Protein backbone atom coordinates (compact mmCIF):
# COMPACT_ATOMS: atom_id res chain seq x y z
CA MET A 1 38.28 3.20 -37.65
CA LYS A 2 36.73 5.40 -35.00
CA LYS A 3 33.62 4.28 -33.19
CA GLU A 4 31.78 7.34 -34.53
CA GLU A 5 32.51 6.13 -38.08
CA GLN A 6 31.21 2.68 -37.24
CA TYR A 7 27.83 4.11 -36.22
CA ASN A 8 24.98 2.19 -37.82
CA ASP A 9 21.82 4.16 -38.59
CA GLU A 10 19.76 1.03 -37.88
CA TRP A 11 20.58 1.26 -34.21
CA GLN A 12 18.24 3.39 -32.09
CA LEU A 13 19.15 4.99 -28.79
CA PRO A 14 18.76 2.35 -26.06
CA ILE A 15 15.99 2.84 -23.52
CA PRO A 16 17.48 3.98 -20.18
CA PHE A 17 16.68 1.43 -17.48
CA ASP A 18 15.88 4.12 -14.93
CA THR A 19 13.61 6.11 -17.23
CA ILE A 20 10.39 4.14 -17.26
CA LYS A 21 7.25 5.98 -18.28
CA ARG A 22 4.69 5.90 -15.52
CA PRO A 23 0.98 6.41 -16.19
CA GLU A 24 -0.94 9.21 -14.52
CA PHE A 25 -3.53 8.25 -11.93
CA PRO A 26 -6.84 7.55 -13.75
CA VAL A 27 -8.83 10.19 -11.91
CA ASP A 28 -11.82 9.66 -14.23
CA CYS A 29 -12.36 6.32 -12.43
CA LEU A 30 -13.29 8.15 -9.23
CA PRO A 31 -16.91 9.09 -8.49
CA ILE A 32 -17.72 12.71 -9.30
CA ALA A 33 -17.56 14.23 -5.80
CA VAL A 34 -14.08 12.81 -5.18
CA ARG A 35 -12.89 13.43 -8.74
CA ASN A 36 -13.77 17.12 -8.68
CA TYR A 37 -12.06 17.68 -5.34
CA VAL A 38 -8.94 15.74 -6.38
CA LEU A 39 -8.56 17.74 -9.60
CA ALA A 40 -9.13 21.02 -7.76
CA VAL A 41 -6.56 20.15 -5.08
CA ALA A 42 -4.02 19.18 -7.73
CA GLU A 43 -4.57 22.51 -9.51
CA ALA A 44 -4.44 24.60 -6.34
CA THR A 45 -1.25 22.95 -5.09
CA GLN A 46 0.31 22.48 -8.54
CA THR A 47 1.03 18.85 -7.78
CA PRO A 48 0.55 15.68 -9.85
CA VAL A 49 -3.04 14.44 -9.71
CA ASP A 50 -1.64 11.09 -8.51
CA MET A 51 -0.91 12.47 -5.05
CA ALA A 52 -4.43 13.70 -4.33
CA GLY A 53 -5.98 10.70 -6.13
CA VAL A 54 -4.16 8.07 -4.09
CA ALA A 55 -4.72 10.05 -0.88
CA ALA A 56 -8.44 10.23 -1.67
CA LEU A 57 -8.65 6.44 -1.96
CA ALA A 58 -6.96 6.09 1.43
CA VAL A 59 -9.30 8.65 3.04
CA MET A 60 -12.35 6.83 1.67
CA ALA A 61 -10.94 3.59 3.08
CA VAL A 62 -10.64 5.28 6.49
CA CYS A 63 -14.33 6.18 6.29
CA VAL A 64 -15.66 2.69 5.45
CA GLN A 65 -13.16 0.18 6.84
CA GLY A 66 -14.56 -2.30 9.31
CA LYS A 67 -18.14 -1.57 8.26
CA TYR A 68 -18.20 -3.66 5.09
CA GLU A 69 -16.41 -6.56 3.48
CA ILE A 70 -16.54 -7.49 -0.19
CA GLU A 71 -17.07 -11.03 -1.40
CA GLY A 72 -14.83 -11.81 -4.36
CA LYS A 73 -16.32 -15.28 -4.60
CA ILE A 74 -17.65 -17.92 -2.22
CA ASP A 75 -15.22 -18.35 0.71
CA TRP A 76 -13.18 -15.29 -0.32
CA ARG A 77 -13.81 -11.94 1.30
CA GLU A 78 -11.69 -8.83 1.48
CA PRO A 79 -11.87 -5.98 4.03
CA LEU A 80 -11.95 -2.42 2.71
CA ASN A 81 -8.75 -1.06 4.23
CA LEU A 82 -5.76 -0.11 2.04
CA TYR A 83 -2.00 0.37 2.44
CA GLY A 84 -0.54 3.04 0.15
CA ILE A 85 2.77 4.80 -0.44
CA ILE A 86 3.31 8.00 -2.43
CA VAL A 87 6.96 8.55 -3.36
CA ALA A 88 7.93 12.19 -3.83
CA SER A 89 11.04 14.27 -3.30
CA PRO A 90 11.28 17.13 -0.79
CA ALA A 91 9.44 20.33 -1.80
CA GLU A 92 6.82 18.32 -3.70
CA ARG A 93 4.16 19.65 -1.27
CA LYS A 94 3.36 16.28 0.28
CA SER A 95 2.22 17.83 3.56
CA ALA A 96 -0.18 20.18 1.79
CA ILE A 97 -1.82 17.27 -0.03
CA ILE A 98 -2.18 15.18 3.13
CA THR A 99 -3.66 18.15 5.02
CA LEU A 100 -6.21 18.99 2.32
CA MET A 101 -7.30 15.39 1.78
CA THR A 102 -7.64 14.46 5.48
CA ARG A 103 -9.01 17.77 6.80
CA PHE A 104 -12.59 16.53 7.14
CA ILE A 105 -11.53 13.31 8.84
CA ASN A 106 -9.89 15.44 11.51
CA GLU A 107 -12.88 17.78 11.74
CA TYR A 108 -15.29 14.87 12.10
CA GLU A 109 -13.17 13.40 14.89
CA ILE A 110 -13.10 16.71 16.80
CA GLU A 111 -16.83 17.31 16.40
CA TRP A 112 -17.73 13.77 17.46
CA ASN A 113 -15.60 13.99 20.61
CA GLU A 114 -17.07 17.37 21.54
CA LYS A 115 -20.59 16.06 21.07
CA HIS A 116 -19.97 12.95 23.20
CA GLN A 117 -17.62 14.47 25.79
CA LEU A 118 -20.17 14.46 28.64
CA GLU A 119 -21.22 10.88 27.87
CA ILE A 120 -17.59 9.71 27.83
CA GLU A 121 -16.81 11.40 31.15
CA ARG A 122 -19.89 9.88 32.81
CA ASN A 123 -18.87 6.49 31.46
CA LYS A 124 -15.44 6.83 33.09
CA VAL A 125 -17.04 7.72 36.42
CA LYS A 126 -19.35 4.70 36.26
CA LYS A 127 -16.43 2.38 35.61
CA LYS A 128 -14.41 3.78 38.52
CA CYS A 129 -17.40 3.35 40.80
CA LEU A 130 -17.83 -0.26 39.70
CA GLU A 131 -14.14 -0.94 40.31
CA LYS A 132 -14.39 0.50 43.83
CA GLU A 133 -17.54 -1.52 44.56
CA VAL A 134 -15.76 -4.71 43.49
CA GLU A 135 -12.81 -3.93 45.76
CA LYS A 136 -15.13 -3.25 48.73
CA LEU A 137 -16.99 -6.53 48.16
CA LYS A 138 -13.70 -8.40 47.99
CA GLU A 139 -12.66 -6.95 51.35
CA LEU A 140 -16.06 -7.75 52.82
CA TYR A 141 -15.92 -11.38 51.71
CA VAL A 142 -12.36 -11.81 53.00
CA LYS A 143 -13.55 -10.66 56.44
CA SER A 144 -16.88 -12.53 56.53
CA GLY A 145 -16.43 -15.60 54.35
CA ASP A 146 -20.18 -15.40 53.80
CA GLY A 147 -21.52 -17.13 50.67
CA ASN A 148 -24.00 -14.33 50.05
CA ASP A 149 -21.14 -11.83 49.99
CA MET A 150 -19.43 -13.99 47.37
CA LYS A 151 -22.59 -14.00 45.25
CA GLU A 152 -22.75 -10.22 45.41
CA LEU A 153 -19.05 -9.99 44.56
CA LEU A 154 -19.37 -12.25 41.50
CA LYS A 155 -22.46 -10.41 40.33
CA LYS A 156 -20.70 -7.06 40.56
CA GLN A 157 -17.55 -8.48 38.94
CA ASP A 158 -19.63 -9.73 36.00
CA GLU A 159 -21.10 -6.26 35.68
CA LEU A 160 -17.61 -4.75 35.58
CA THR A 161 -16.33 -7.36 33.09
CA ASN A 162 -19.22 -6.68 30.70
CA PHE A 163 -19.10 -2.93 31.15
CA GLU A 164 -18.77 -1.18 27.78
CA GLU A 165 -16.22 1.58 27.94
CA LEU A 166 -16.60 4.68 25.84
CA HIS A 167 -13.44 6.20 24.42
CA LYS A 168 -12.70 9.32 22.48
CA LEU A 169 -12.92 8.69 18.76
CA ARG A 170 -9.57 8.29 17.02
CA LEU A 171 -9.55 7.96 13.27
CA LEU A 172 -5.97 8.91 12.46
CA ALA A 173 -2.59 8.24 14.04
CA ASP A 174 0.90 9.26 12.95
CA ASP A 175 4.06 8.68 14.98
CA THR A 176 3.01 5.62 16.96
CA THR A 177 4.50 2.32 18.06
CA PRO A 178 2.93 -1.01 17.05
CA GLU A 179 1.95 -1.59 20.69
CA ALA A 180 0.18 1.77 20.94
CA LEU A 181 -1.44 1.13 17.58
CA ILE A 182 -3.03 -2.09 18.87
CA THR A 183 -4.46 -0.23 21.87
CA LEU A 184 -5.86 2.46 19.58
CA MET A 185 -7.51 -0.21 17.45
CA ALA A 186 -8.92 -1.97 20.51
CA ASN A 187 -10.43 1.31 21.73
CA ASN A 188 -11.95 2.17 18.35
CA ASN A 189 -13.91 -0.92 17.31
CA GLY A 190 -10.80 -2.52 15.86
CA LYS A 191 -10.11 0.34 13.42
CA ILE A 192 -7.40 2.97 13.09
CA SER A 193 -5.42 4.65 10.31
CA VAL A 194 -1.85 5.85 9.94
CA ILE A 195 -1.57 8.74 7.49
CA SER A 196 1.63 10.74 7.36
CA SER A 197 3.65 12.93 5.00
CA GLU A 198 6.79 11.21 6.28
CA GLY A 199 8.04 7.63 6.48
CA GLY A 200 9.03 7.60 10.15
CA ILE A 201 6.74 4.66 10.88
CA PHE A 202 9.21 2.39 9.07
CA GLU A 203 11.96 3.44 11.48
CA ILE A 204 9.64 2.61 14.38
CA LEU A 205 8.82 -0.80 12.90
CA GLN A 206 12.54 -1.47 12.48
CA GLY A 207 13.02 -0.91 16.21
CA ARG A 208 13.76 2.77 16.81
CA TYR A 209 12.43 2.43 20.36
CA THR A 210 12.59 -1.30 21.06
CA GLN A 211 15.72 -2.37 19.14
CA SER A 212 13.67 -5.16 17.54
CA VAL A 213 11.52 -5.43 14.41
CA ASN A 214 7.80 -5.67 15.16
CA ILE A 215 5.49 -5.78 12.14
CA ASP A 216 2.90 -8.36 13.26
CA ALA A 217 0.17 -5.77 13.83
CA PHE A 218 0.66 -4.35 10.33
CA LEU A 219 0.62 -7.79 8.72
CA LYS A 220 -2.48 -8.99 10.55
CA ALA A 221 -4.46 -5.75 10.34
CA HIS A 222 -4.08 -5.67 6.56
CA ASN A 223 -5.91 -8.99 6.20
CA GLY A 224 -8.18 -8.70 9.24
CA ASP A 225 -6.49 -11.57 11.11
CA THR A 226 -7.12 -11.69 14.86
CA ILE A 227 -4.63 -9.79 17.02
CA LYS A 228 -4.07 -11.00 20.58
CA THR A 229 -1.55 -9.51 22.98
CA ASP A 230 -0.69 -10.10 26.63
CA ARG A 231 1.28 -7.42 28.40
CA THR A 232 2.30 -6.91 32.00
CA ILE A 233 1.02 -3.32 32.20
CA ARG A 234 -1.97 -3.22 29.85
CA GLY A 235 -3.07 -6.81 30.23
CA HIS A 236 -4.84 -8.80 27.52
CA GLU A 237 -6.04 -7.18 24.30
CA SER A 238 -7.93 -9.06 21.60
CA ILE A 239 -9.15 -7.66 18.27
CA GLU A 240 -11.16 -10.11 16.21
CA LYS A 241 -11.22 -8.26 12.89
CA PRO A 242 -8.65 -5.47 12.97
CA CYS A 243 -8.73 -2.88 10.20
CA LEU A 244 -5.79 -0.60 9.49
CA THR A 245 -5.46 1.86 6.62
CA VAL A 246 -1.99 3.28 5.96
CA LEU A 247 -0.96 6.13 3.68
CA LEU A 248 2.62 7.35 3.74
CA SER A 249 4.17 10.02 1.55
CA ILE A 250 7.88 9.29 1.57
CA GLN A 251 11.08 10.39 -0.10
CA PRO A 252 12.80 8.15 -2.68
CA GLN A 253 15.66 7.24 -0.36
CA VAL A 254 13.17 5.81 2.16
CA LEU A 255 11.72 3.62 -0.57
CA GLU A 256 15.18 2.46 -1.58
CA GLY A 257 15.86 1.41 2.00
CA LEU A 258 12.72 -0.69 2.43
CA MET A 259 14.04 -3.73 0.59
CA SER A 260 17.28 -3.66 2.57
CA ASN A 261 15.28 -4.97 5.53
CA ASN A 262 15.07 -8.73 5.05
CA ILE A 263 12.17 -9.05 7.49
CA PHE A 264 10.03 -6.45 5.72
CA ARG A 265 10.68 -8.18 2.41
CA GLY A 266 10.66 -11.77 3.62
CA ARG A 267 7.39 -11.50 5.55
CA GLY A 268 5.61 -9.61 2.81
CA LEU A 269 5.13 -6.19 4.38
CA THR A 270 6.36 -4.39 1.25
CA ASP A 271 4.02 -6.50 -0.92
CA ARG A 272 0.97 -5.18 0.94
CA PHE A 273 1.49 -1.59 -0.17
CA LEU A 274 0.12 0.07 -3.31
CA TYR A 275 2.83 2.30 -4.78
CA SER A 276 2.55 5.63 -6.55
CA ILE A 277 5.59 7.43 -7.96
CA PRO A 278 4.16 10.55 -9.62
CA THR A 279 6.00 12.43 -12.34
CA SER A 280 7.19 15.65 -10.71
CA LYS A 281 5.81 19.02 -11.77
CA MET A 282 8.63 20.88 -10.05
CA GLY A 283 10.09 23.53 -12.33
CA SER A 284 6.85 24.10 -14.23
CA ARG A 285 4.51 25.03 -11.37
CA LYS A 286 2.43 28.21 -11.51
CA HIS A 287 2.25 30.58 -8.56
CA GLU A 288 -1.18 31.99 -9.43
CA THR A 289 -3.68 29.14 -9.33
CA GLN A 290 -7.41 28.61 -9.12
CA PRO A 291 -8.64 28.15 -5.53
CA ILE A 292 -10.64 25.03 -4.72
CA PRO A 293 -14.31 25.86 -5.48
CA ILE A 294 -16.52 25.98 -2.39
CA LYS A 295 -19.04 23.61 -3.96
CA TYR A 296 -16.34 20.95 -4.41
CA ILE A 297 -15.17 21.37 -0.83
CA GLU A 298 -18.72 21.04 0.51
CA ALA A 299 -19.46 17.98 -1.63
CA TYR A 300 -16.25 16.25 -0.51
CA LYS A 301 -16.92 17.10 3.14
CA LYS A 302 -20.49 15.79 2.94
CA LEU A 303 -19.23 12.56 1.39
CA CYS A 304 -16.66 12.03 4.16
CA TYR A 305 -19.23 12.74 6.87
CA ASP A 306 -21.88 10.51 5.26
CA LEU A 307 -19.48 7.58 5.03
CA LEU A 308 -18.17 8.11 8.57
CA ASP A 309 -21.74 8.23 9.84
CA ILE A 310 -22.43 4.71 8.55
CA PRO A 311 -22.77 2.70 11.79
CA CYS A 312 -20.17 0.09 12.66
CA ASN A 313 -22.13 -2.94 13.86
CA ASP A 314 -21.00 -6.22 15.38
CA THR A 315 -21.91 -7.96 12.11
CA THR A 316 -19.96 -6.62 9.13
CA LYS A 317 -22.11 -6.06 6.04
CA VAL A 318 -21.10 -7.87 2.86
CA LEU A 319 -20.89 -6.36 -0.62
CA LYS A 320 -21.10 -8.74 -3.59
CA LEU A 321 -20.22 -8.65 -7.27
CA SER A 322 -22.95 -8.60 -9.87
CA LYS A 323 -22.94 -11.49 -12.38
CA LYS A 324 -21.16 -9.40 -15.01
CA ALA A 325 -18.65 -8.11 -12.47
CA ALA A 326 -18.00 -11.66 -11.22
CA LYS A 327 -17.24 -12.81 -14.79
CA LEU A 328 -14.86 -9.88 -15.26
CA SER A 329 -13.14 -10.77 -11.98
CA THR A 330 -12.70 -14.38 -13.13
CA VAL A 331 -11.21 -13.31 -16.48
CA PHE A 332 -8.76 -11.01 -14.68
CA ALA A 333 -7.69 -13.76 -12.24
CA ASN A 334 -7.11 -16.26 -15.06
CA LYS A 335 -4.97 -13.77 -16.99
CA LEU A 336 -2.99 -12.67 -13.95
CA GLU A 337 -2.07 -16.13 -12.63
CA PRO A 338 0.35 -17.26 -15.40
CA ARG A 339 2.07 -13.87 -15.31
CA LEU A 340 3.20 -14.54 -11.72
CA ILE A 341 5.84 -16.93 -13.08
CA LYS A 342 6.56 -14.91 -16.22
CA ASP A 343 6.82 -11.13 -16.57
CA LEU A 344 5.65 -10.46 -12.98
CA GLU A 345 7.89 -13.06 -11.34
CA ASN A 346 10.15 -10.42 -9.77
CA ILE A 347 7.17 -8.77 -8.05
CA ALA A 348 5.08 -11.92 -7.59
CA GLY A 349 4.44 -11.10 -3.92
CA PHE A 350 2.85 -7.79 -4.86
CA ALA A 351 1.13 -9.07 -8.00
CA GLY A 352 -0.33 -12.02 -6.10
CA LYS A 353 -2.20 -9.53 -3.89
CA LEU A 354 -3.29 -7.28 -6.76
CA HIS A 355 -6.62 -9.01 -7.36
CA GLY A 356 -7.53 -8.59 -3.71
CA ALA A 357 -6.53 -4.92 -3.80
CA ILE A 358 -8.71 -4.34 -6.87
CA ILE A 359 -11.67 -6.00 -5.16
CA ARG A 360 -11.16 -3.72 -2.14
CA ILE A 361 -10.97 -0.62 -4.34
CA ALA A 362 -14.17 -1.71 -6.11
CA GLY A 363 -15.93 -1.91 -2.74
CA ILE A 364 -14.72 1.57 -1.80
CA LEU A 365 -15.75 3.09 -5.16
CA HIS A 366 -19.15 1.44 -4.83
CA LEU A 367 -19.79 2.88 -1.37
CA ILE A 368 -18.76 6.36 -2.50
CA ASP A 369 -21.45 6.22 -5.18
CA GLU A 370 -24.11 4.13 -3.50
CA HIS A 371 -23.37 4.67 0.21
CA ALA A 372 -25.20 1.90 2.10
CA ASP A 373 -28.26 1.55 -0.14
CA ASN A 374 -27.11 -1.04 -2.68
CA GLN A 375 -24.85 -3.98 -1.88
CA LEU A 376 -24.31 -5.28 -5.43
CA ILE A 377 -21.22 -4.02 -7.26
CA SER A 378 -21.58 -3.28 -10.97
CA TYR A 379 -19.39 -4.26 -13.91
CA ASP A 380 -18.44 -0.60 -14.49
CA THR A 381 -17.36 -0.11 -10.88
CA LEU A 382 -15.13 -3.18 -10.95
CA ASN A 383 -13.73 -2.13 -14.33
CA ASN A 384 -12.78 1.27 -12.87
CA ALA A 385 -11.15 -0.49 -9.92
CA MET A 386 -9.14 -2.61 -12.37
CA ARG A 387 -7.92 0.47 -14.21
CA ILE A 388 -6.72 1.87 -10.89
CA GLY A 389 -5.17 -1.52 -10.11
CA PHE A 390 -3.21 -1.51 -13.38
CA TYR A 391 -1.96 1.97 -12.47
CA PHE A 392 -0.61 0.62 -9.18
CA LEU A 393 0.89 -2.41 -10.94
CA LYS A 394 2.91 -0.27 -13.35
CA HIS A 395 4.09 1.99 -10.53
CA ALA A 396 4.96 -1.04 -8.41
CA LYS A 397 7.31 -2.27 -11.13
CA VAL A 398 9.20 1.02 -10.87
CA ALA A 399 9.10 0.98 -7.08
CA TYR A 400 10.53 -2.52 -6.86
CA GLN A 401 13.27 -1.56 -9.28
CA LEU A 402 14.16 1.40 -7.06
CA MET A 403 14.15 -0.94 -4.06
CA GLY A 404 16.56 -3.29 -5.86
CA ALA A 405 14.07 -6.14 -5.78
CA ASP A 406 14.09 -6.74 -9.55
CA LYS A 407 16.92 -9.27 -9.95
CA GLN A 408 16.64 -9.36 -13.74
CA LEU A 409 17.07 -5.59 -13.93
CA GLN A 410 19.97 -5.55 -11.46
CA ASP A 411 21.73 -8.34 -13.37
CA ALA A 412 21.18 -6.53 -16.68
CA LYS A 413 22.64 -3.32 -15.24
CA TYR A 414 25.67 -5.26 -14.00
CA VAL A 415 26.29 -6.85 -17.42
CA LEU A 416 25.87 -3.46 -19.08
CA ARG A 417 28.52 -1.93 -16.83
CA GLN A 418 30.96 -4.65 -17.92
CA LEU A 419 30.16 -4.06 -21.59
CA GLU A 420 30.74 -0.33 -21.22
CA LYS A 421 34.20 -1.00 -19.78
CA GLN A 422 35.17 -3.05 -22.86
CA GLU A 423 34.05 -0.50 -25.47
CA ALA A 424 33.73 -3.32 -28.00
CA MET A 425 31.34 -3.50 -30.96
CA GLU A 426 30.92 -7.26 -30.65
CA ILE A 427 31.36 -9.71 -27.83
CA THR A 428 30.76 -13.41 -27.21
CA ARG A 429 28.59 -14.83 -24.49
CA TYR A 430 31.62 -16.65 -23.06
CA GLU A 431 33.54 -13.38 -22.83
CA VAL A 432 30.64 -11.80 -20.92
CA PHE A 433 30.47 -14.77 -18.56
CA ARG A 434 34.21 -14.46 -17.91
CA LEU A 435 33.78 -10.75 -17.14
CA CYS A 436 30.84 -11.48 -14.82
CA ARG A 437 32.09 -14.70 -13.22
CA GLY A 438 31.64 -13.32 -9.70
CA ARG A 439 27.99 -12.47 -10.45
CA PHE A 440 26.79 -15.65 -12.19
CA LYS A 441 27.58 -19.25 -11.31
CA LYS A 442 26.42 -20.74 -14.62
CA ASP A 443 26.12 -19.45 -18.17
CA GLU A 444 22.33 -19.93 -18.23
CA ASP A 445 22.03 -17.64 -15.18
CA MET A 446 22.81 -14.73 -17.53
CA THR A 447 19.87 -15.44 -19.88
CA PRO A 448 17.27 -13.15 -18.19
CA ALA A 449 19.78 -10.27 -18.21
CA PHE A 450 20.57 -10.80 -21.91
CA GLU A 451 16.85 -10.86 -22.72
CA LEU A 452 16.33 -7.51 -20.98
CA LEU A 453 19.40 -5.94 -22.63
CA ASN A 454 18.06 -7.04 -26.00
CA GLU A 455 14.56 -5.74 -25.22
CA TYR A 456 15.89 -2.32 -24.22
CA GLY A 457 18.08 -2.08 -27.32
CA TYR A 458 21.56 -2.44 -25.83
CA ILE A 459 22.56 -5.63 -27.67
CA ARG A 460 21.51 -7.81 -30.61
CA GLU A 461 22.08 -11.49 -31.03
CA VAL A 462 24.24 -12.37 -34.06
CA GLU A 463 23.01 -15.26 -36.15
CA THR A 464 25.76 -17.87 -36.43
CA GLU A 465 25.87 -21.10 -38.40
CA TYR A 466 26.72 -24.34 -36.67
CA LYS A 467 27.18 -27.39 -38.89
CA GLY A 468 27.62 -29.78 -36.02
CA ALA A 469 31.33 -30.34 -36.46
CA GLY A 470 33.40 -29.81 -33.33
CA ARG A 471 32.54 -27.69 -30.37
CA LYS A 472 29.60 -25.29 -30.73
CA PRO A 473 30.94 -21.71 -30.86
CA SER A 474 29.93 -19.23 -28.19
CA GLN A 475 26.97 -17.06 -29.11
CA LYS A 476 27.94 -13.57 -30.34
CA TYR A 477 26.22 -10.23 -29.72
CA ASN A 478 26.48 -6.85 -31.40
CA ILE A 479 26.60 -3.94 -28.97
CA ASN A 480 24.70 -0.71 -29.62
CA PRO A 481 27.36 1.84 -30.70
CA ASN A 482 25.33 4.65 -29.11
CA LEU A 483 26.81 3.56 -25.78
CA TRP A 484 30.04 5.37 -26.72
CA ILE A 485 28.93 8.17 -29.01
CA LYS A 486 28.93 11.35 -26.98
C-alpha cells in the first residue's frame, strides 16, 4: 500500500521547527510621545514597528543611564542601561531606523559641544599651565633642595591631581575597541553608548585588532561593576559605576555566529542582550507613505532633550516600586524561578536576567512619563514593562534556536532527520537509539527530543500492554505520514 493511501485524516500537518510565531512589539506600552513617533517612523519607513520600538527603548536608556538606579527590593538595585539586538536581513532599512531614532541624541551632542567649546578650550589651557608649573617646581627643588620649594611643589601637584578636566560630550560610539570604549566612559562621567546598524563590534570583541577576546568592559558596564585598567600609554583609569547602552541591528548570520564563540556564551555576554527578530514586511511595502508629522517629531525631540538635560550628579538617584508594583514584581519572580529548570532551561542564562531587565525597562518608562518629579513607580508602569519583557522572552527563544543554543531543539531536529531517512510509519525507541547512537550515549538522553517531536506533531506514542512476563518491549511510536506526502 502506498504511503498516500495510508494517510490518516486524524493527523495534522506538523509544526515546522523553524517557523515560530513571534509577537509584535507592544508599542501601546510606550508613553504617548515615544509611541506616536515609533508608529510614525514605522509607517514612513515601511518597517516592522519592532525595529523603531526597540530602538526607542535604547535611545531612552542613553538619555537616563547613570542618573538613576531602580530598587527592585532591599539590597537589589538595577542601573537603567540596556543591551539590545535587532535581527534583520539586508534591505530591511536598519540604517534608516537607527538614523531616525538617534537623530536628536546626535543633535544634542553637537549643540552641547558648540555651547561649551570656549570653556573646554580654556580648561585645556589651564591644565597645560599647571603641568608646566609642576615641572618648573620640580626642577627648582632638584637644584635647591629647599624644603619650601618642596611644599610649593606638593601644593601645585595636589592642584593638578584634583584638577577637573572638561571633555567634549560623547553620547554615542560605533566602531570602537574595548580599550577606547573605557576611555570614552571615563571622559563622560562613566557613560557611553554603542548604537550601530551593523554587528562589527562583535568582530572587534573577538580580536579583530588584538587577536584576543576582550569582553570585560561589556560585562562589567552592563551591571555597573567597577572597571579599573592600567596601561603603559594612558596610565590608570578607574570607573566606579560604568554605564553602557548597546543597540545593534545585525543580519541573521551574525546572530548565528554568536554562539559559536565559547567565551561569549560561557561568560554570559549573549545572555545580557534583549533580542528582537521582527517579521519582515519586505515584499508588501508601499512606496507612497505618510511623512512623520511635525508635532510627533517635536514631541520626541523635546523628550530626548529633557531627559538628557537631567543632571548627572555624584550621587545616583534611586527609583522605587510602589507597594502594588512591588507585589507584582514578587509574583513575577516566584513564577519565573521554577521555569528556569523547566521550559526555560535552555535559555536559563537569559531568563535569569529577565526580571532585572524588566525592572530597568520600568524605570525608563517611568522617567519618560514622569521625568525627575516622581520617584515611585506605579503598578501600571511595571505591568507595561513586563509585557515588553515577555516580548523579549519569546523573541529570545527564537534567537537562541537560531544560535544553536537550544539543545532540545537541535536533538529533536537530528532525530527527525533520521526518521525521514527511514520513511517508516512506525518505529521503536530502540530503533531510533540505534540510528542515533553517535548522538546519544543513553536511551534516556533522547527523552527531551521525543517530547518536542510529540508536541510539534511529528510522532505519537503507541500504547502497548506489558504483562510483566519477560523483557519489557521497546516503546513504539507512530510517525506523522505528512512527512512523506508531497
